[in-house]
Amino acid sequence: MRPPGDFEAKEDPMAKTFTLFLSTSPYSGENTFTAIRVAEAALNQGHKVNLIASGDGVYCFFKNQKAAGIPNAEKKFSELVQKGLKVYL
């Protein structure tokens, strides 16, 4: 018997899994930042998110990027990984 208040974490039955495919370089357009925003919104709602990076999309995960005047893709994705984003390169 469990003590009162000792609950097991259960998955939300309404939670979905989103899988995003990113194949463009981090600063060539809006694709990277759209993927970041979609992933962040889904994670914040309790959903699971997978991101597959292929082709130029792998450059979004290179460390020490020098992004000037725009958000740093590698840092943003690192924050999302901490929230549960799963990345496949």
PDB file of N, CA and C in Angstrom:
ATOM      1  N   MET A   1       0.838  -1.175   0.000  1.00  0.00           N
ATOM      2  CA  MET A   1       0.000   0.000   0.000  1.00  0.00           C
ATOM      3  C   MET A   1       0.889   1.247   0.000  1.00  0.00           C
ATOM      4  N   ARG A   2       0.508   2.212  -0.775  1.00  0.00           N
ATOM      5  CA  ARG A   2       1.276   3.455  -0.887  1.00  0.00           C
ATOM      6  C   ARG A   2       0.770   4.488   0.109  1.00  0.00           C
ATOM      7  N   PRO A   3       1.691   5.306   0.597  1.00  0.00           N
ATOM      8  CA  PRO A   3       1.256   6.393   1.468  1.00  0.00           C
ATOM      9  C   PRO A   3       0.456   7.422   0.682  1.00  0.00           C
ATOM     10  N   PRO A   4      -0.439   8.167   1.355  1.00  0.00           N
ATOM     11  CA  PRO A   4      -1.223   9.202   0.663  1.00  0.00           C
ATOM     12  C   PRO A   4      -0.305  10.221  -0.013  1.00  0.00           C
ATOM     13  N   GLY A   5      -0.669  10.622  -1.215  1.00  0.00           N
ATOM     14  CA  GLY A   5       0.118  11.609  -1.956  1.00  0.00           C
ATOM     15  C   GLY A   5       1.269  11.016  -2.748  1.00  0.00           C
ATOM     16  N   ASP A   6       1.481   9.707  -2.664  1.00  0.00           N
ATOM     17  CA  ASP A   6       2.563   9.061  -3.397  1.00  0.00           C
ATOM     18  C   ASP A   6       1.989   8.517  -4.706  1.00  0.00           C
ATOM     19  N   PHE A   7       2.082   9.312  -5.754  1.00  0.00           N
ATOM     20  CA  PHE A   7       1.479   8.950  -7.035  1.00  0.00           C
ATOM     21  C   PHE A   7       2.549   8.640  -8.060  1.00  0.00           C
ATOM     22  N   GLU A   8       2.259   7.712  -8.926  1.00  0.00           N
ATOM     23  CA  GLU A   8       3.134   7.448 -10.063  1.00  0.00           C
ATOM     24  C   GLU A   8       2.838   8.461 -11.149  1.00  0.00           C
ATOM     25  N   ALA A   9       3.886   8.896 -11.828  1.00  0.00           N
ATOM     26  CA  ALA A   9       3.680   9.796 -12.968  1.00  0.00           C
ATOM     27  C   ALA A   9       3.079   8.982 -14.102  1.00  0.00           C
ATOM     28  N   LYS A  10       1.984   9.476 -14.633  1.00  0.00           N
ATOM     29  CA  LYS A  10       1.331   8.794 -15.742  1.00  0.00           C
ATOM     30  C   LYS A  10       1.358   9.696 -16.962  1.00  0.00           C
ATOM     31  N   GLU A  11       1.483   9.065 -18.111  1.00  0.00           N
ATOM     32  CA  GLU A  11       1.475   9.839 -19.347  1.00  0.00           C
ATOM     33  C   GLU A  11       0.075  10.345 -19.628  1.00  0.00           C
ATOM     34  N   ASP A  12       0.012  11.511 -20.192  1.00  0.00           N
ATOM     35  CA  ASP A  12      -1.262  12.102 -20.585  1.00  0.00           C
ATOM     36  C   ASP A  12      -1.795  11.306 -21.779  1.00  0.00           C
ATOM     37  N   PRO A  13      -2.977  10.723 -21.683  1.00  0.00           N
ATOM     38  CA  PRO A  13      -3.505   9.938 -22.797  1.00  0.00           C
ATOM     39  C   PRO A  13      -3.803  10.789 -24.040  1.00  0.00           C
ATOM     40  N   MET A  14      -3.905  12.090 -23.863  1.00  0.00           N
ATOM     41  CA  MET A  14      -4.170  12.972 -24.997  1.00  0.00           C
ATOM     42  C   MET A  14      -2.879  13.505 -25.632  1.00  0.00           C
ATOM     43  N   ALA A  15      -1.730  13.222 -25.021  1.00  0.00           N
ATOM     44  CA  ALA A  15      -0.454  13.702 -25.555  1.00  0.00           C
ATOM     45  C   ALA A  15      -0.163  13.008 -26.887  1.00  0.00           C
ATOM     46  N   LYS A  16       0.352  13.760 -27.795  1.00  0.00           N
ATOM     47  CA  LYS A  16       0.703  13.263 -29.126  1.00  0.00           C
ATOM     48  C   LYS A  16       2.216  13.297 -29.301  1.00  0.00           C
ATOM     49  N   THR A  17       2.699  12.640 -30.324  1.00  0.00           N
ATOM     50  CA  THR A  17       4.109  12.714 -30.687  1.00  0.00           C
ATOM     51  C   THR A  17       4.219  13.428 -32.028  1.00  0.00           C
ATOM     52  N   PHE A  18       4.983  14.497 -32.051  1.00  0.00           N
ATOM     53  CA  PHE A  18       5.237  15.255 -33.273  1.00  0.00           C
ATOM     54  C   PHE A  18       6.632  14.901 -33.761  1.00  0.00           C
ATOM     55  N   THR A  19       6.776  14.711 -35.050  1.00  0.00           N
ATOM     56  CA  THR A  19       8.083  14.480 -35.644  1.00  0.00           C
ATOM     57  C   THR A  19       8.298  15.541 -36.718  1.00  0.00           C
ATOM     58  N   LEU A  20       9.368  16.316 -36.541  1.00  0.00           N
ATOM     59  CA  LEU A  20       9.707  17.393 -37.472  1.00  0.00           C
ATOM     60  C   LEU A  20      10.932  16.982 -38.273  1.00  0.00           C
ATOM     61  N   PHE A  21      10.986  17.385 -39.530  1.00  0.00           N
ATOM     62  CA  PHE A  21      12.120  17.092 -40.407  1.00  0.00           C
ATOM     63  C   PHE A  21      12.719  18.418 -40.831  1.00  0.00           C
ATOM     64  N   LEU A  22      13.993  18.626 -40.534  1.00  0.00           N
ATOM     65  CA  LEU A  22      14.667  19.875 -40.846  1.00  0.00           C
ATOM     66  C   LEU A  22      15.848  19.598 -41.762  1.00  0.00           C
ATOM     67  N   SER A  23      15.822  20.165 -42.962  1.00  0.00           N
ATOM     68  CA  SER A  23      16.891  19.897 -43.929  1.00  0.00           C
ATOM     69  C   SER A  23      17.528  21.172 -44.488  1.00  0.00           C
ATOM     70  N   THR A  24      17.213  22.320 -43.881  1.00  0.00           N
ATOM     71  CA  THR A  24      17.789  23.578 -44.365  1.00  0.00           C
ATOM     72  C   THR A  24      18.754  24.150 -43.337  1.00  0.00           C
ATOM     73  N   SER A  25      19.700  24.945 -43.811  1.00  0.00           N
ATOM     74  CA  SER A  25      20.706  25.526 -42.921  1.00  0.00           C
ATOM     75  C   SER A  25      20.055  26.493 -41.930  1.00  0.00           C
ATOM     76  N   PRO A  26      20.719  26.740 -40.804  1.00  0.00           N
ATOM     77  CA  PRO A  26      20.078  27.476 -39.723  1.00  0.00           C
ATOM     78  C   PRO A  26      19.689  28.921 -40.028  1.00  0.00           C
ATOM     79  N   TYR A  27      20.404  29.586 -40.912  1.00  0.00           N
ATOM     80  CA  TYR A  27      20.157  31.011 -41.100  1.00  0.00           C
ATOM     81  C   TYR A  27      19.807  31.379 -42.543  1.00  0.00           C
ATOM     82  N   SER A  28      19.299  30.411 -43.310  1.00  0.00           N
ATOM     83  CA  SER A  28      18.984  30.682 -44.714  1.00  0.00           C
ATOM     84  C   SER A  28      17.531  31.091 -44.932  1.00  0.00           C
ATOM     85  N   GLY A  29      16.733  31.020 -43.908  1.00  0.00           N
ATOM     86  CA  GLY A  29      15.316  31.369 -44.034  1.00  0.00           C
ATOM     87  C   GLY A  29      14.628  31.157 -42.711  1.00  0.00           C
ATOM     88  N   GLU A  30      13.330  30.993 -42.745  1.00  0.00           N
ATOM     89  CA  GLU A  30      12.545  30.852 -41.525  1.00  0.00           C
ATOM     90  C   GLU A  30      12.326  29.406 -41.085  1.00  0.00           C
ATOM     91  N   ASN A  31      12.770  28.435 -41.866  1.00  0.00           N
ATOM     92  CA  ASN A  31      12.479  27.031 -41.539  1.00  0.00           C
ATOM     93  C   ASN A  31      12.984  26.624 -40.159  1.00  0.00           C
ATOM     94  N   THR A  32      14.215  27.011 -39.829  1.00  0.00           N
ATOM     95  CA  THR A  32      14.784  26.633 -38.533  1.00  0.00           C
ATOM     96  C   THR A  32      13.976  27.215 -37.400  1.00  0.00           C
ATOM     97  N   PHE A  33      13.627  28.482 -37.500  1.00  0.00           N
ATOM     98  CA  PHE A  33      12.920  29.129 -36.400  1.00  0.00           C
ATOM     99  C   PHE A  33      11.464  28.691 -36.317  1.00  0.00           C
ATOM    100  N   THR A  34      10.903  28.280 -37.438  1.00  0.00           N
ATOM    101  CA  THR A  34       9.564  27.685 -37.401  1.00  0.00           C
ATOM    102  C   THR A  34       9.624  26.347 -36.665  1.00  0.00           C
ATOM    103  N   ALA A  35      10.634  25.542 -36.948  1.00  0.00           N
ATOM    104  CA  ALA A  35      10.788  24.256 -36.256  1.00  0.00           C
ATOM    105  C   ALA A  35      10.981  24.476 -34.755  1.00  0.00           C
ATOM    106  N   ILE A  36      11.766  25.484 -34.388  1.00  0.00           N
ATOM    107  CA  ILE A  36      11.983  25.800 -32.973  1.00  0.00           C
ATOM    108  C   ILE A  36      10.668  26.182 -32.310  1.00  0.00           C
ATOM    109  N   ARG A  37       9.900  27.048 -32.947  1.00  0.00           N
ATOM    110  CA  ARG A  37       8.639  27.509 -32.361  1.00  0.00           C
ATOM    111  C   ARG A  37       7.615  26.384 -32.248  1.00  0.00           C
ATOM    112  N   VAL A  38       7.505  25.548 -33.267  1.00  0.00           N
ATOM    113  CA  VAL A  38       6.562  24.430 -33.226  1.00  0.00           C
ATOM    114  C   VAL A  38       6.968  23.445 -32.136  1.00  0.00           C
ATOM    115  N   ALA A  39       8.258  23.106 -32.082  1.00  0.00           N
ATOM    116  CA  ALA A  39       8.737  22.167 -31.070  1.00  0.00           C
ATOM    117  C   ALA A  39       8.508  22.712 -29.667  1.00  0.00           C
ATOM    118  N   GLU A  40       8.807  23.976 -29.463  1.00  0.00           N
ATOM    119  CA  GLU A  40       8.633  24.582 -28.149  1.00  0.00           C
ATOM    120  C   GLU A  40       7.158  24.595 -27.723  1.00  0.00           C
ATOM    121  N   ALA A  41       6.287  24.962 -28.637  1.00  0.00           N
ATOM    122  CA  ALA A  41       4.855  24.998 -28.323  1.00  0.00           C
ATOM    123  C   ALA A  41       4.344  23.603 -27.976  1.00  0.00           C
ATOM    124  N   ALA A  42       4.738  22.602 -28.737  1.00  0.00           N
ATOM    125  CA  ALA A  42       4.282  21.236 -28.481  1.00  0.00           C
ATOM    126  C   ALA A  42       4.813  20.719 -27.140  1.00  0.00           C
ATOM    127  N   LEU A  43       6.089  20.967 -26.863  1.00  0.00           N
ATOM    128  CA  LEU A  43       6.661  20.533 -25.588  1.00  0.00           C
ATOM    129  C   LEU A  43       5.970  21.223 -24.412  1.00  0.00           C
ATOM    130  N   ASN A  44       5.687  22.500 -24.565  1.00  0.00           N
ATOM    131  CA  ASN A  44       5.014  23.244 -23.495  1.00  0.00           C
ATOM    132  C   ASN A  44       3.602  22.728 -23.233  1.00  0.00           C
ATOM    133  N   GLN A  45       2.995  22.098 -24.237  1.00  0.00           N
ATOM    134  CA  GLN A  45       1.656  21.531 -24.079  1.00  0.00           C
ATOM    135  C   GLN A  45       1.696  20.081 -23.605  1.00  0.00           C
ATOM    136  N   GLY A  46       2.898  19.563 -23.362  1.00  0.00           N
ATOM    137  CA  GLY A  46       3.029  18.205 -22.840  1.00  0.00           C
ATOM    138  C   GLY A  46       3.166  17.119 -23.882  1.00  0.00           C
ATOM    139  N   HIS A  47       3.369  17.494 -25.135  1.00  0.00           N
ATOM    140  CA  HIS A  47       3.533  16.510 -26.203  1.00  0.00           C
ATOM    141  C   HIS A  47       4.998  16.090 -26.313  1.00  0.00           C
ATOM    142  N   LYS A  48       5.229  14.977 -26.972  1.00  0.00           N
ATOM    143  CA  LYS A  48       6.587  14.515 -27.278  1.00  0.00           C
ATOM    144  C   LYS A  48       6.958  15.065 -28.646  1.00  0.00           C
ATOM    145  N   VAL A  49       8.221  15.422 -28.808  1.00  0.00           N
ATOM    146  CA  VAL A  49       8.666  15.965 -30.090  1.00  0.00           C
ATOM    147  C   VAL A  49       9.986  15.312 -30.486  1.00  0.00           C
ATOM    148  N   ASN A  50      10.012  14.796 -31.707  1.00  0.00           N
ATOM    149  CA  ASN A  50      11.229  14.276 -32.340  1.00  0.00           C
ATOM    150  C   ASN A  50      11.607  15.236 -33.455  1.00  0.00           C
ATOM    151  N   LEU A  51      12.899  15.459 -33.633  1.00  0.00           N
ATOM    152  CA  LEU A  51      13.359  16.282 -34.743  1.00  0.00           C
ATOM    153  C   LEU A  51      14.436  15.508 -35.483  1.00  0.00           C
ATOM    154  N   ILE A  52      14.223  15.322 -36.774  1.00  0.00           N
ATOM    155  CA  ILE A  52      15.202  14.662 -37.627  1.00  0.00           C
ATOM    156  C   ILE A  52      15.888  15.742 -38.440  1.00  0.00           C
ATOM    157  N   ALA A  53      17.207  15.858 -38.296  1.00  0.00           N
ATOM    158  CA  ALA A  53      17.975  16.837 -39.060  1.00  0.00           C
ATOM    159  C   ALA A  53      18.777  16.097 -40.123  1.00  0.00           C
ATOM    160  N   SER A  54      18.649  16.563 -41.342  1.00  0.00           N
ATOM    161  CA  SER A  54      19.313  15.928 -42.469  1.00  0.00           C
ATOM    162  C   SER A  54      19.874  17.004 -43.384  1.00  0.00           C
ATOM    163  N   GLY A  55      20.848  16.652 -44.181  1.00  0.00           N
ATOM    164  CA  GLY A  55      21.423  17.629 -45.112  1.00  0.00           C
ATOM    165  C   GLY A  55      21.971  18.831 -44.353  1.00  0.00           C
ATOM    166  N   ASP A  56      21.630  20.031 -44.818  1.00  0.00           N
ATOM    167  CA  ASP A  56      22.101  21.250 -44.165  1.00  0.00           C
ATOM    168  C   ASP A  56      21.487  21.464 -42.792  1.00  0.00           C
ATOM    169  N   GLY A  57      20.431  20.744 -42.456  1.00  0.00           N
ATOM    170  CA  GLY A  57      19.800  20.871 -41.152  1.00  0.00           C
ATOM    171  C   GLY A  57      20.708  20.496 -39.995  1.00  0.00           C
ATOM    172  N   VAL A  58      21.716  19.653 -40.256  1.00  0.00           N
ATOM    173  CA  VAL A  58      22.637  19.274 -39.178  1.00  0.00           C
ATOM    174  C   VAL A  58      23.466  20.469 -38.703  1.00  0.00           C
ATOM    175  N   TYR A  59      23.622  21.488 -39.526  1.00  0.00           N
ATOM    176  CA  TYR A  59      24.398  22.668 -39.120  1.00  0.00           C
ATOM    177  C   TYR A  59      23.719  23.434 -37.988  1.00  0.00           C
ATOM    178  N   CYS A  60      22.452  23.200 -37.754  1.00  0.00           N
ATOM    179  CA  CYS A  60      21.739  23.854 -36.652  1.00  0.00           C
ATOM    180  C   CYS A  60      22.284  23.423 -35.298  1.00  0.00           C
ATOM    181  N   PHE A  61      23.034  22.330 -35.252  1.00  0.00           N
ATOM    182  CA  PHE A  61      23.483  21.760 -33.988  1.00  0.00           C
ATOM    183  C   PHE A  61      24.979  21.906 -33.762  1.00  0.00           C
ATOM    184  N   PHE A  62      25.670  22.627 -34.661  1.00  0.00           N
ATOM    185  CA  PHE A  62      27.096  22.889 -34.461  1.00  0.00           C
ATOM    186  C   PHE A  62      27.274  23.849 -33.296  1.00  0.00           C
ATOM    187  N   LYS A  63      28.240  23.578 -32.447  1.00  0.00           N
ATOM    188  CA  LYS A  63      28.497  24.435 -31.288  1.00  0.00           C
ATOM    189  C   LYS A  63      29.267  25.685 -31.689  1.00  0.00           C
ATOM    190  N   ASN A  64      29.178  26.693 -30.839  1.00  0.00           N
ATOM    191  CA  ASN A  64      29.911  27.956 -30.986  1.00  0.00           C
ATOM    192  C   ASN A  64      29.542  28.713 -32.255  1.00  0.00           C
ATOM    193  N   GLN A  65      28.273  28.724 -32.600  1.00  0.00           N
ATOM    194  CA  GLN A  65      27.818  29.487 -33.758  1.00  0.00           C
ATOM    195  C   GLN A  65      27.910  30.977 -33.443  1.00  0.00           C
ATOM    196  N   LYS A  66      28.186  31.758 -34.450  1.00  0.00           N
ATOM    197  CA  LYS A  66      28.305  33.209 -34.294  1.00  0.00           C
ATOM    198  C   LYS A  66      27.112  33.888 -34.960  1.00  0.00           C
ATOM    199  N   ALA A  67      25.960  33.765 -34.358  1.00  0.00           N
ATOM    200  CA  ALA A  67      24.748  34.382 -34.903  1.00  0.00           C
ATOM    201  C   ALA A  67      24.687  35.830 -34.422  1.00  0.00           C
ATOM    202  N   ALA A  68      24.649  36.769 -35.354  1.00  0.00           N
ATOM    203  CA  ALA A  68      24.601  38.191 -34.992  1.00  0.00           C
ATOM    204  C   ALA A  68      23.228  38.763 -35.344  1.00  0.00           C
ATOM    205  N   GLY A  69      22.546  39.296 -34.349  1.00  0.00           N
ATOM    206  CA  GLY A  69      21.265  39.947 -34.591  1.00  0.00           C
ATOM    207  C   GLY A  69      20.073  39.019 -34.733  1.00  0.00           C
ATOM    208  N   ILE A  70      20.303  37.718 -34.640  1.00  0.00           N
ATOM    209  CA  ILE A  70      19.221  36.733 -34.729  1.00  0.00           C
ATOM    210  C   ILE A  70      19.461  35.667 -33.664  1.00  0.00           C
ATOM    211  N   PRO A  71      18.422  34.928 -33.296  1.00  0.00           N
ATOM    212  CA  PRO A  71      18.611  33.889 -32.278  1.00  0.00           C
ATOM    213  C   PRO A  71      19.596  32.811 -32.742  1.00  0.00           C
ATOM    214  N   ASN A  72      20.395  32.320 -31.818  1.00  0.00           N
ATOM    215  CA  ASN A  72      21.373  31.272 -32.091  1.00  0.00           C
ATOM    216  C   ASN A  72      20.651  29.926 -32.114  1.00  0.00           C
ATOM    217  N   ALA A  73      20.644  29.259 -33.263  1.00  0.00           N
ATOM    218  CA  ALA A  73      19.899  28.006 -33.437  1.00  0.00           C
ATOM    219  C   ALA A  73      20.391  26.921 -32.488  1.00  0.00           C
ATOM    220  N   GLU A  74      21.691  26.784 -32.343  1.00  0.00           N
ATOM    221  CA  GLU A  74      22.236  25.722 -31.493  1.00  0.00           C
ATOM    222  C   GLU A  74      21.805  25.921 -30.041  1.00  0.00           C
ATOM    223  N   LYS A  75      21.829  27.142 -29.554  1.00  0.00           N
ATOM    224  CA  LYS A  75      21.417  27.416 -28.172  1.00  0.00           C
ATOM    225  C   LYS A  75      19.925  27.147 -27.978  1.00  0.00           C
ATOM    226  N   LYS A  76      19.123  27.560 -28.952  1.00  0.00           N
ATOM    227  CA  LYS A  76      17.677  27.345 -28.847  1.00  0.00           C
ATOM    228  C   LYS A  76      17.351  25.854 -28.830  1.00  0.00           C
ATOM    229  N   PHE A  77      17.985  25.095 -29.719  1.00  0.00           N
ATOM    230  CA  PHE A  77      17.733  23.653 -29.742  1.00  0.00           C
ATOM    231  C   PHE A  77      18.252  22.991 -28.470  1.00  0.00           C
ATOM    232  N   SER A  78      19.372  23.459 -27.927  1.00  0.00           N
ATOM    233  CA  SER A  78      19.892  22.907 -26.671  1.00  0.00           C
ATOM    234  C   SER A  78      18.883  23.104 -25.544  1.00  0.00           C
ATOM    235  N   GLU A  79      18.257  24.269 -25.498  1.00  0.00           N
ATOM    236  CA  GLU A  79      17.230  24.533 -24.485  1.00  0.00           C
ATOM    237  C   GLU A  79      16.052  23.568 -24.649  1.00  0.00           C
ATOM    238  N   LEU A  80      15.675  23.312 -25.909  1.00  0.00           N
ATOM    239  CA  LEU A  80      14.552  22.412 -26.163  1.00  0.00           C
ATOM    240  C   LEU A  80      14.896  20.961 -25.817  1.00  0.00           C
ATOM    241  N   VAL A  81      16.146  20.578 -26.031  1.00  0.00           N
ATOM    242  CA  VAL A  81      16.581  19.221 -25.648  1.00  0.00           C
ATOM    243  C   VAL A  81      16.418  19.047 -24.143  1.00  0.00           C
ATOM    244  N   GLN A  82      16.725  20.103 -23.382  1.00  0.00           N
ATOM    245  CA  GLN A  82      16.549  20.059 -21.928  1.00  0.00           C
ATOM    246  C   GLN A  82      15.080  19.882 -21.547  1.00  0.00           C
ATOM    247  N   LYS A  83      14.172  20.350 -22.409  1.00  0.00           N
ATOM    248  CA  LYS A  83      12.731  20.216 -22.155  1.00  0.00           C
ATOM    249  C   LYS A  83      12.173  18.890 -22.658  1.00  0.00           C
ATOM    250  N   GLY A  84      12.989  18.101 -23.365  1.00  0.00           N
ATOM    251  CA  GLY A  84      12.523  16.791 -23.819  1.00  0.00           C
ATOM    252  C   GLY A  84      12.580  16.545 -25.307  1.00  0.00           C
ATOM    253  N   LEU A  85      13.033  17.510 -26.096  1.00  0.00           N
ATOM    254  CA  LEU A  85      13.160  17.306 -27.542  1.00  0.00           C
ATOM    255  C   LEU A  85      14.163  16.195 -27.810  1.00  0.00           C
ATOM    256  N   LYS A  86      13.806  15.273 -28.687  1.00  0.00           N
ATOM    257  CA  LYS A  86      14.731  14.220 -29.108  1.00  0.00           C
ATOM    258  C   LYS A  86      15.196  14.557 -30.516  1.00  0.00           C
ATOM    259  N   VAL A  87      16.518  14.592 -30.698  1.00  0.00           N
ATOM    260  CA  VAL A  87      17.108  14.983 -31.981  1.00  0.00           C
ATOM    261  C   VAL A  87      17.818  13.789 -32.590  1.00  0.00           C
ATOM    262  N   TYR A  88      17.589  13.603 -33.878  1.00  0.00           N
ATOM    263  CA  TYR A  88      18.233  12.530 -34.639  1.00  0.00           C
ATOM    264  C   TYR A  88      18.970  13.169 -35.805  1.00  0.00           C
ATOM    265  N   LEU A  89      20.288  12.968 -35.851  1.00  0.00           N
ATOM    266  CA  LEU A  89      21.108  13.531 -36.937  1.00  0.00           C
ATOM    267  C   LEU A  89      21.467  12.465 -37.939  1.00  0.00           C
TER     268      LEU A  89
END
